[in-house]
Amino acid sequence: PLFEIDFSKVRLARGLKDCPRIISCQRQDNELSLTWENSLSSPQNRYNDTLALVAYVAGKKVFTVFHAGNRKTGSTTITLPAQFNEPVSVWAFFWKDHKYGTPSRANVSDSVWVGTF
């Protein structure tokens, strides 16, 4: 059967931390540059919360960067693999490294769909 997935509705992570508030995302060749709000708007957020990015080429490939930056830096640029020469859908979420606590929903945010680039 033929069907289409609405990537904006797909959630890759679910948690209690505030999710990234993406300000901008741009792609030039295989460089993906992202900026986000870096404020601590809730008590459960920490400046050292790590940003994870997931890039997906529909039906083909997945690329994950678990340490793309942290909440405080507010921006990052990652290099996608050379074979990612097609449009990629991108999601982002914050997480707290497990060495700082027990893995739980308290240590991760909901994922947000950033868009297709």
Protein backbone atom coordinates (compact mmCIF):
# COMPACT_ATOMS: atom_id res chain seq x y z
CA PRO A 1 0.00 0.00 0.00
CA LEU A 2 1.11 3.53 -0.70
CA PHE A 3 1.16 5.92 2.22
CA GLU A 4 2.91 9.07 3.31
CA ILE A 5 4.29 9.90 6.75
CA ASP A 6 3.76 13.36 8.20
CA PHE A 7 7.25 13.82 9.70
CA SER A 8 6.13 16.85 11.70
CA LYS A 9 4.01 14.50 13.83
CA VAL A 10 6.75 11.91 14.48
CA ARG A 11 8.19 11.96 18.02
CA LEU A 12 11.56 10.32 18.61
CA ALA A 13 11.94 11.25 22.27
CA ARG A 14 9.53 11.98 25.10
CA GLY A 15 10.44 13.56 28.38
CA LEU A 16 9.94 16.24 30.98
CA LYS A 17 12.68 18.73 30.05
CA ASP A 18 11.73 21.66 27.83
CA CYS A 19 12.28 20.79 24.18
CA PRO A 20 14.59 22.84 21.97
CA ARG A 21 13.09 26.07 20.65
CA ILE A 22 14.68 26.21 17.24
CA ILE A 23 15.41 29.69 15.92
CA SER A 24 16.91 28.70 12.58
CA CYS A 25 18.27 25.77 10.62
CA GLN A 26 20.11 26.01 7.32
CA ARG A 27 21.81 23.51 5.09
CA GLN A 28 24.66 24.27 2.73
CA ASP A 29 25.91 21.17 0.92
CA ASN A 30 26.45 18.70 3.76
CA GLU A 31 26.78 21.27 6.55
CA LEU A 32 23.72 21.69 8.76
CA SER A 33 23.74 24.81 10.98
CA LEU A 34 21.23 25.13 13.78
CA THR A 35 20.50 27.80 16.40
CA TRP A 36 18.18 27.50 19.38
CA GLU A 37 17.04 29.52 22.37
CA ASN A 38 19.53 28.98 25.18
CA SER A 39 17.56 30.19 28.21
CA LEU A 40 16.72 28.16 31.29
CA SER A 41 12.97 28.67 31.21
CA SER A 42 12.15 25.86 33.68
CA PRO A 43 13.81 24.46 36.82
CA GLN A 44 14.35 21.03 35.24
CA ASN A 45 16.54 22.52 32.47
CA ARG A 46 20.33 22.79 32.79
CA TYR A 47 22.87 24.66 30.67
CA ASN A 48 24.74 21.38 30.18
CA ASP A 49 21.70 19.57 28.69
CA THR A 50 23.03 17.99 25.51
CA LEU A 51 21.40 18.55 22.12
CA ALA A 52 20.85 15.44 20.01
CA LEU A 53 20.05 15.64 16.29
CA VAL A 54 18.58 12.96 14.07
CA ALA A 55 18.74 13.33 10.28
CA TYR A 56 16.72 10.99 8.07
CA VAL A 57 16.62 10.49 4.31
CA ALA A 58 13.14 9.12 3.67
CA GLY A 59 13.17 5.35 3.35
CA LYS A 60 16.96 5.10 3.21
CA LYS A 61 19.34 6.37 5.88
CA VAL A 62 19.49 7.66 9.44
CA PHE A 63 22.31 9.73 10.96
CA THR A 64 22.33 10.58 14.68
CA VAL A 65 24.53 13.04 16.54
CA PHE A 66 24.04 12.64 20.27
CA HIS A 67 26.50 15.42 21.23
CA ALA A 68 25.66 18.25 18.84
CA GLY A 69 26.06 20.97 21.47
CA ASN A 70 24.46 21.97 24.74
CA ARG A 71 21.62 24.22 25.79
CA LYS A 72 23.99 27.06 26.75
CA THR A 73 25.85 27.31 23.42
CA GLY A 74 22.69 27.97 21.41
CA SER A 75 24.16 26.91 18.08
CA THR A 76 25.98 24.15 16.26
CA THR A 77 27.10 23.06 12.81
CA ILE A 78 27.33 19.38 11.97
CA THR A 79 28.61 17.64 8.87
CA LEU A 80 26.23 15.12 7.35
CA PRO A 81 27.73 12.00 5.78
CA ALA A 82 28.66 12.39 2.11
CA GLN A 83 25.91 9.98 1.02
CA PHE A 84 23.27 12.35 2.46
CA ASN A 85 22.99 14.24 -0.83
CA GLU A 86 19.18 14.18 -0.77
CA PRO A 87 16.74 16.18 1.38
CA VAL A 88 16.94 15.21 5.05
CA SER A 89 14.29 15.50 7.75
CA VAL A 90 15.74 16.68 11.04
CA TRP A 91 14.59 16.27 14.66
CA ALA A 92 16.19 17.66 17.82
CA PHE A 93 15.88 16.97 21.54
CA PHE A 94 17.76 17.70 24.77
CA TRP A 95 19.01 15.00 27.10
CA LYS A 96 21.11 14.80 30.23
CA ASP A 97 24.00 12.37 30.17
CA HIS A 98 23.19 9.28 32.26
CA LYS A 99 26.40 9.69 34.25
CA TYR A 100 24.56 12.57 35.94
CA GLY A 101 21.56 10.51 36.96
CA THR A 102 19.32 7.54 36.36
CA PRO A 103 17.88 7.23 32.84
CA SER A 104 14.30 8.50 32.97
CA ARG A 105 11.83 10.87 31.30
CA ALA A 106 13.15 13.53 33.69
CA ASN A 107 16.46 13.46 31.80
CA VAL A 108 15.15 14.04 28.26
CA SER A 109 12.88 16.44 26.38
CA ASP A 110 10.27 15.76 23.76
CA SER A 111 11.76 15.77 20.29
CA VAL A 112 10.85 18.53 17.86
CA TRP A 113 10.73 18.25 14.12
CA VAL A 114 13.01 20.95 12.73
CA GLY A 115 12.08 20.49 9.08
CA THR A 116 13.33 19.03 5.81
CA PHE A 117 16.48 20.49 4.29
